Amino acid sequence: QVPFVESGGGLVQPGGSLRLTCVASETFSFISYYMLWYRQAPGKGREWLGRITASGDDTHWEDSVKGRFTITRDNAKKTMYLHLNNLRSEDTAVYFCNYVPGQLSGRWGQGTQVTVAS
């Protein structure tokens, strides 16, 4: 069972913003792990977007979203956030979270759909 639930997606106009949420289960040791965001656009493979350290003090990004997206986390709430800004049509995708090295297991949650359209 995947220990995360993603939410917060929706329909947004180009240039708009959204905040996605990834909540870990009670039994998952959230504070111990680097966390990741991925997305999968229609007809394409899953794409890594970025990661945040366990403490939340550093992030690393894929070039196409660097400067537009931000990751934060609240370890007390076992929750990670992906802040999407200046959205483009090519950002339309299902967005997923996972942990390091959980992404290697092939197990993923339902994700949350983001659609950017006018």
N, C-alpha and C. Protein backbone atom coordinates (compact mmCIF):
# COMPACT_ATOMS: atom_id res chain seq x y z
N GLN A 1 0.85 -1.19 0.00
CA GLN A 1 0.00 0.00 0.00
C GLN A 1 0.88 1.24 0.00
N VAL A 2 0.57 2.17 -0.90
CA VAL A 2 1.34 3.40 -0.99
C VAL A 2 0.95 4.30 0.19
N PRO A 3 1.93 4.81 0.90
CA PRO A 3 1.61 5.56 2.13
C PRO A 3 1.32 7.05 1.92
N PHE A 4 0.94 7.46 0.72
CA PHE A 4 0.71 8.87 0.47
C PHE A 4 -0.63 9.10 -0.23
N VAL A 5 -1.22 10.25 0.02
CA VAL A 5 -2.40 10.69 -0.70
C VAL A 5 -2.16 12.10 -1.21
N GLU A 6 -2.28 12.25 -2.54
CA GLU A 6 -2.10 13.56 -3.16
C GLU A 6 -3.45 14.22 -3.37
N SER A 7 -3.47 15.55 -3.28
CA SER A 7 -4.70 16.30 -3.50
C SER A 7 -4.36 17.73 -3.88
N GLY A 8 -5.39 18.49 -4.26
CA GLY A 8 -5.20 19.90 -4.54
C GLY A 8 -5.21 20.28 -6.00
N GLY A 9 -5.26 19.29 -6.89
CA GLY A 9 -5.28 19.59 -8.30
C GLY A 9 -6.59 20.23 -8.73
N GLY A 10 -6.63 20.63 -10.00
CA GLY A 10 -7.84 21.24 -10.54
C GLY A 10 -7.57 21.89 -11.86
N LEU A 11 -8.55 22.65 -12.32
CA LEU A 11 -8.44 23.39 -13.57
C LEU A 11 -8.01 24.81 -13.26
N VAL A 12 -6.98 25.28 -13.94
CA VAL A 12 -6.45 26.61 -13.70
C VAL A 12 -6.07 27.23 -15.04
N GLN A 13 -6.20 28.54 -15.13
CA GLN A 13 -5.84 29.23 -16.36
C GLN A 13 -4.33 29.40 -16.48
N PRO A 14 -3.82 29.52 -17.69
CA PRO A 14 -2.39 29.79 -17.86
C PRO A 14 -1.98 31.02 -17.06
N GLY A 15 -0.83 30.90 -16.41
CA GLY A 15 -0.36 31.96 -15.54
C GLY A 15 -0.84 31.86 -14.12
N GLY A 16 -1.75 30.96 -13.87
CA GLY A 16 -2.32 30.80 -12.53
C GLY A 16 -1.45 29.97 -11.60
N SER A 17 -1.97 29.74 -10.40
CA SER A 17 -1.22 29.02 -9.36
C SER A 17 -2.11 27.97 -8.70
N LEU A 18 -1.46 26.96 -8.17
CA LEU A 18 -2.12 25.93 -7.38
C LEU A 18 -1.17 25.49 -6.29
N ARG A 19 -1.72 24.90 -5.23
CA ARG A 19 -0.91 24.25 -4.22
C ARG A 19 -1.38 22.80 -4.10
N LEU A 20 -0.46 21.90 -4.36
CA LEU A 20 -0.74 20.47 -4.21
C LEU A 20 -0.26 20.00 -2.85
N THR A 21 -0.94 18.99 -2.33
CA THR A 21 -0.64 18.46 -1.01
C THR A 21 -0.39 16.97 -1.10
N CYS A 22 0.59 16.52 -0.35
CA CYS A 22 0.90 15.09 -0.23
C CYS A 22 0.91 14.77 1.25
N VAL A 23 -0.02 13.95 1.68
CA VAL A 23 -0.12 13.59 3.10
C VAL A 23 0.32 12.15 3.27
N ALA A 24 1.22 11.94 4.23
CA ALA A 24 1.71 10.60 4.52
C ALA A 24 0.82 9.92 5.55
N SER A 25 0.83 8.60 5.51
CA SER A 25 0.04 7.84 6.48
C SER A 25 0.65 7.95 7.87
N GLU A 26 -0.13 7.63 8.87
CA GLU A 26 0.32 7.74 10.26
C GLU A 26 1.52 6.84 10.55
N THR A 27 1.59 5.71 9.86
CA THR A 27 2.64 4.74 10.14
C THR A 27 3.93 5.00 9.37
N PHE A 28 3.92 5.95 8.48
CA PHE A 28 5.10 6.24 7.67
C PHE A 28 6.00 7.21 8.41
N SER A 29 7.30 6.91 8.43
CA SER A 29 8.26 7.76 9.14
C SER A 29 8.69 8.92 8.25
N PHE A 30 7.75 9.84 8.08
CA PHE A 30 7.90 10.94 7.11
C PHE A 30 9.17 11.75 7.34
N ILE A 31 9.49 12.01 8.57
CA ILE A 31 10.61 12.90 8.91
C ILE A 31 11.95 12.30 8.53
N SER A 32 11.97 11.01 8.22
CA SER A 32 13.24 10.33 7.95
C SER A 32 13.67 10.39 6.50
N TYR A 33 12.79 10.82 5.62
CA TYR A 33 13.04 10.65 4.19
C TYR A 33 13.05 11.94 3.38
N TYR A 34 13.92 11.94 2.37
CA TYR A 34 13.78 12.90 1.29
C TYR A 34 12.45 12.57 0.58
N MET A 35 11.79 13.61 0.11
CA MET A 35 10.52 13.43 -0.59
C MET A 35 10.64 13.98 -2.00
N LEU A 36 9.81 13.44 -2.88
CA LEU A 36 9.88 13.73 -4.31
C LEU A 36 8.51 14.11 -4.87
N TRP A 37 8.54 14.91 -5.92
CA TRP A 37 7.36 15.14 -6.75
C TRP A 37 7.66 14.70 -8.18
N TYR A 38 6.67 14.04 -8.78
CA TYR A 38 6.73 13.62 -10.17
C TYR A 38 5.43 14.06 -10.85
N ARG A 39 5.42 13.98 -12.16
CA ARG A 39 4.17 14.16 -12.89
C ARG A 39 4.18 13.29 -14.13
N GLN A 40 2.97 13.03 -14.62
CA GLN A 40 2.82 12.25 -15.85
C GLN A 40 1.79 12.92 -16.73
N ALA A 41 2.25 13.43 -17.86
CA ALA A 41 1.37 14.07 -18.83
C ALA A 41 0.72 13.01 -19.71
N PRO A 42 -0.38 13.34 -20.33
CA PRO A 42 -1.07 12.36 -21.19
C PRO A 42 -0.13 11.82 -22.27
N GLY A 43 -0.06 10.50 -22.35
CA GLY A 43 0.74 9.86 -23.38
C GLY A 43 2.24 9.86 -23.14
N LYS A 44 2.65 10.32 -21.96
CA LYS A 44 4.08 10.39 -21.66
C LYS A 44 4.41 9.59 -20.41
N GLY A 45 5.70 9.39 -20.21
CA GLY A 45 6.15 8.69 -19.02
C GLY A 45 6.17 9.60 -17.82
N ARG A 46 6.40 9.00 -16.66
CA ARG A 46 6.47 9.78 -15.42
C ARG A 46 7.76 10.59 -15.39
N GLU A 47 7.63 11.85 -15.02
CA GLU A 47 8.75 12.80 -15.06
C GLU A 47 9.06 13.29 -13.65
N TRP A 48 10.34 13.21 -13.26
CA TRP A 48 10.75 13.76 -11.97
C TRP A 48 10.74 15.27 -12.03
N LEU A 49 10.22 15.92 -10.98
CA LEU A 49 10.17 17.38 -10.92
C LEU A 49 11.14 17.96 -9.91
N GLY A 50 11.17 17.38 -8.74
CA GLY A 50 12.01 17.96 -7.71
C GLY A 50 11.99 17.14 -6.45
N ARG A 51 12.89 17.48 -5.53
CA ARG A 51 12.96 16.77 -4.26
C ARG A 51 13.30 17.75 -3.15
N ILE A 52 12.96 17.34 -1.95
CA ILE A 52 13.24 18.14 -0.76
C ILE A 52 13.90 17.24 0.27
N THR A 53 14.85 17.77 0.98
CA THR A 53 15.53 16.99 2.00
C THR A 53 14.59 16.66 3.16
N ALA A 54 15.02 15.74 4.01
CA ALA A 54 14.19 15.31 5.13
C ALA A 54 13.87 16.48 6.07
N SER A 55 14.83 17.34 6.27
CA SER A 55 14.61 18.49 7.15
C SER A 55 13.91 19.63 6.46
N GLY A 56 13.88 19.61 5.14
CA GLY A 56 13.25 20.68 4.39
C GLY A 56 14.17 21.86 4.11
N ASP A 57 15.46 21.70 4.35
CA ASP A 57 16.37 22.84 4.21
C ASP A 57 16.96 22.99 2.82
N ASP A 58 16.66 22.08 1.92
CA ASP A 58 17.21 22.18 0.57
C ASP A 58 16.29 21.50 -0.42
N THR A 59 16.25 22.05 -1.62
CA THR A 59 15.47 21.45 -2.69
C THR A 59 16.32 21.38 -3.95
N HIS A 60 15.90 20.51 -4.87
CA HIS A 60 16.59 20.35 -6.15
C HIS A 60 15.55 20.14 -7.22
N TRP A 61 15.77 20.75 -8.41
CA TRP A 61 14.71 20.84 -9.40
C TRP A 61 15.10 20.39 -10.79
N GLU A 62 14.09 19.91 -11.50
CA GLU A 62 14.22 19.70 -12.93
C GLU A 62 14.16 21.07 -13.61
N ASP A 63 14.95 21.26 -14.65
CA ASP A 63 15.11 22.60 -15.22
C ASP A 63 13.82 23.25 -15.70
N SER A 64 12.89 22.47 -16.23
CA SER A 64 11.71 23.09 -16.84
C SER A 64 10.78 23.73 -15.82
N VAL A 65 10.92 23.38 -14.55
CA VAL A 65 10.03 23.95 -13.53
C VAL A 65 10.79 24.81 -12.51
N LYS A 66 12.09 24.84 -12.64
CA LYS A 66 12.90 25.61 -11.70
C LYS A 66 12.49 27.08 -11.75
N GLY A 67 12.27 27.67 -10.58
CA GLY A 67 11.86 29.06 -10.50
C GLY A 67 10.36 29.28 -10.56
N ARG A 68 9.60 28.28 -10.99
CA ARG A 68 8.14 28.38 -11.03
C ARG A 68 7.48 27.54 -9.94
N PHE A 69 8.10 26.44 -9.59
CA PHE A 69 7.54 25.54 -8.59
C PHE A 69 8.38 25.59 -7.32
N THR A 70 7.73 25.37 -6.19
CA THR A 70 8.40 25.35 -4.89
C THR A 70 7.89 24.17 -4.09
N ILE A 71 8.80 23.49 -3.39
CA ILE A 71 8.41 22.41 -2.49
C ILE A 71 8.63 22.87 -1.06
N THR A 72 7.66 22.61 -0.22
CA THR A 72 7.82 22.80 1.22
C THR A 72 7.27 21.58 1.93
N ARG A 73 7.59 21.43 3.18
CA ARG A 73 7.08 20.31 3.96
C ARG A 73 6.87 20.75 5.40
N ASP A 74 5.92 20.07 6.03
CA ASP A 74 5.63 20.27 7.45
C ASP A 74 5.74 18.91 8.10
N ASN A 75 6.86 18.63 8.70
CA ASN A 75 7.10 17.30 9.27
C ASN A 75 6.15 16.98 10.42
N ALA A 76 5.73 17.98 11.15
CA ALA A 76 4.79 17.74 12.25
C ALA A 76 3.44 17.24 11.74
N LYS A 77 3.08 17.66 10.53
CA LYS A 77 1.82 17.24 9.92
C LYS A 77 2.00 16.10 8.93
N LYS A 78 3.24 15.65 8.76
CA LYS A 78 3.54 14.59 7.78
C LYS A 78 2.99 14.98 6.40
N THR A 79 3.23 16.20 6.03
CA THR A 79 2.67 16.74 4.80
C THR A 79 3.73 17.48 4.00
N MET A 80 3.67 17.28 2.68
CA MET A 80 4.53 17.99 1.75
C MET A 80 3.65 18.76 0.77
N TYR A 81 4.15 19.89 0.32
CA TYR A 81 3.40 20.73 -0.59
C TYR A 81 4.20 21.00 -1.86
N LEU A 82 3.49 21.12 -2.96
CA LEU A 82 4.10 21.58 -4.21
C LEU A 82 3.33 22.83 -4.63
N HIS A 83 4.04 23.95 -4.64
CA HIS A 83 3.45 25.23 -5.01
C HIS A 83 3.75 25.46 -6.49
N LEU A 84 2.70 25.53 -7.28
CA LEU A 84 2.83 25.69 -8.73
C LEU A 84 2.47 27.12 -9.09
N ASN A 85 3.39 27.81 -9.73
CA ASN A 85 3.16 29.20 -10.13
C ASN A 85 3.41 29.38 -11.62
N ASN A 86 2.80 30.42 -12.18
CA ASN A 86 2.99 30.74 -13.59
C ASN A 86 2.78 29.49 -14.45
N LEU A 87 1.65 28.84 -14.23
CA LEU A 87 1.39 27.57 -14.90
C LEU A 87 1.22 27.74 -16.41
N ARG A 88 1.65 26.72 -17.13
CA ARG A 88 1.59 26.67 -18.58
C ARG A 88 0.78 25.46 -19.01
N SER A 89 0.33 25.47 -20.24
CA SER A 89 -0.46 24.33 -20.73
C SER A 89 0.34 23.03 -20.64
N GLU A 90 1.63 23.12 -20.82
CA GLU A 90 2.46 21.90 -20.78
C GLU A 90 2.65 21.36 -19.36
N ASP A 91 2.16 22.08 -18.37
CA ASP A 91 2.18 21.56 -17.00
C ASP A 91 0.97 20.65 -16.72
N THR A 92 0.07 20.54 -17.66
CA THR A 92 -1.08 19.65 -17.50
C THR A 92 -0.60 18.21 -17.35
N ALA A 93 -0.97 17.59 -16.25
CA ALA A 93 -0.48 16.25 -15.94
C ALA A 93 -1.14 15.77 -14.65
N VAL A 94 -0.92 14.49 -14.35
CA VAL A 94 -1.23 13.97 -13.02
C VAL A 94 0.04 14.07 -12.19
N TYR A 95 -0.08 14.63 -11.01
CA TYR A 95 1.07 14.88 -10.15
C TYR A 95 1.08 13.86 -9.00
N PHE A 96 2.28 13.32 -8.74
CA PHE A 96 2.46 12.27 -7.74
C PHE A 96 3.57 12.65 -6.76
N CYS A 97 3.46 12.15 -5.55
CA CYS A 97 4.57 12.28 -4.61
C CYS A 97 5.07 10.88 -4.26
N ASN A 98 6.30 10.85 -3.76
CA ASN A 98 6.88 9.60 -3.30
C ASN A 98 8.07 9.96 -2.42
N TYR A 99 8.73 8.95 -1.90
CA TYR A 99 9.89 9.19 -1.06
C TYR A 99 11.09 8.50 -1.68
N VAL A 100 12.28 8.88 -1.20
CA VAL A 100 13.51 8.24 -1.63
C VAL A 100 13.83 7.13 -0.63
N PRO A 101 13.95 5.86 -1.04
CA PRO A 101 13.97 5.34 -2.41
C PRO A 101 12.66 4.70 -2.87
N GLY A 102 11.54 5.09 -2.30
CA GLY A 102 10.28 4.44 -2.63
C GLY A 102 9.90 4.52 -4.10
N GLN A 103 10.41 5.54 -4.78
CA GLN A 103 10.03 5.69 -6.19
C GLN A 103 10.57 4.53 -7.03
N LEU A 104 11.54 3.80 -6.51
CA LEU A 104 12.12 2.67 -7.24
C LEU A 104 11.26 1.42 -7.15
N SER A 105 10.30 1.44 -6.25
CA SER A 105 9.48 0.25 -6.02
C SER A 105 8.42 0.05 -7.10
N GLY A 106 8.14 1.11 -7.85
CA GLY A 106 7.07 1.02 -8.84
C GLY A 106 5.69 1.24 -8.27
N ARG A 107 5.62 1.54 -6.98
CA ARG A 107 4.32 1.76 -6.33
C ARG A 107 4.06 3.26 -6.24
N TRP A 108 2.88 3.63 -6.72
CA TRP A 108 2.50 5.03 -6.75
C TRP A 108 1.05 5.18 -6.29
N GLY A 109 0.73 6.35 -5.77
CA GLY A 109 -0.63 6.65 -5.38
C GLY A 109 -1.48 7.03 -6.58
N GLN A 110 -2.66 7.55 -6.30
CA GLN A 110 -3.59 7.94 -7.36
C GLN A 110 -3.16 9.22 -8.06
N GLY A 111 -2.41 10.04 -7.36
CA GLY A 111 -2.02 11.32 -7.93
C GLY A 111 -3.17 12.32 -7.91
N THR A 112 -2.86 13.52 -8.36
CA THR A 112 -3.89 14.56 -8.44
C THR A 112 -3.74 15.28 -9.79
N GLN A 113 -4.86 15.45 -10.47
CA GLN A 113 -4.86 15.99 -11.83
C GLN A 113 -4.77 17.51 -11.82
N VAL A 114 -3.83 18.03 -12.59
CA VAL A 114 -3.73 19.46 -12.83
C VAL A 114 -3.97 19.70 -14.31
N THR A 115 -4.92 20.57 -14.61
CA THR A 115 -5.22 20.92 -16.00
C THR A 115 -5.09 22.42 -16.16
N VAL A 116 -4.23 22.82 -17.09
CA VAL A 116 -4.00 24.24 -17.34
C VAL A 116 -4.61 24.57 -18.70
N ALA A 117 -5.66 25.36 -18.67
CA ALA A 117 -6.37 25.70 -19.91
C ALA A 117 -7.15 26.98 -19.71
N SER A 118 -7.33 27.72 -20.79
CA SER A 118 -8.10 28.97 -20.69
C SER A 118 -9.57 28.73 -21.00
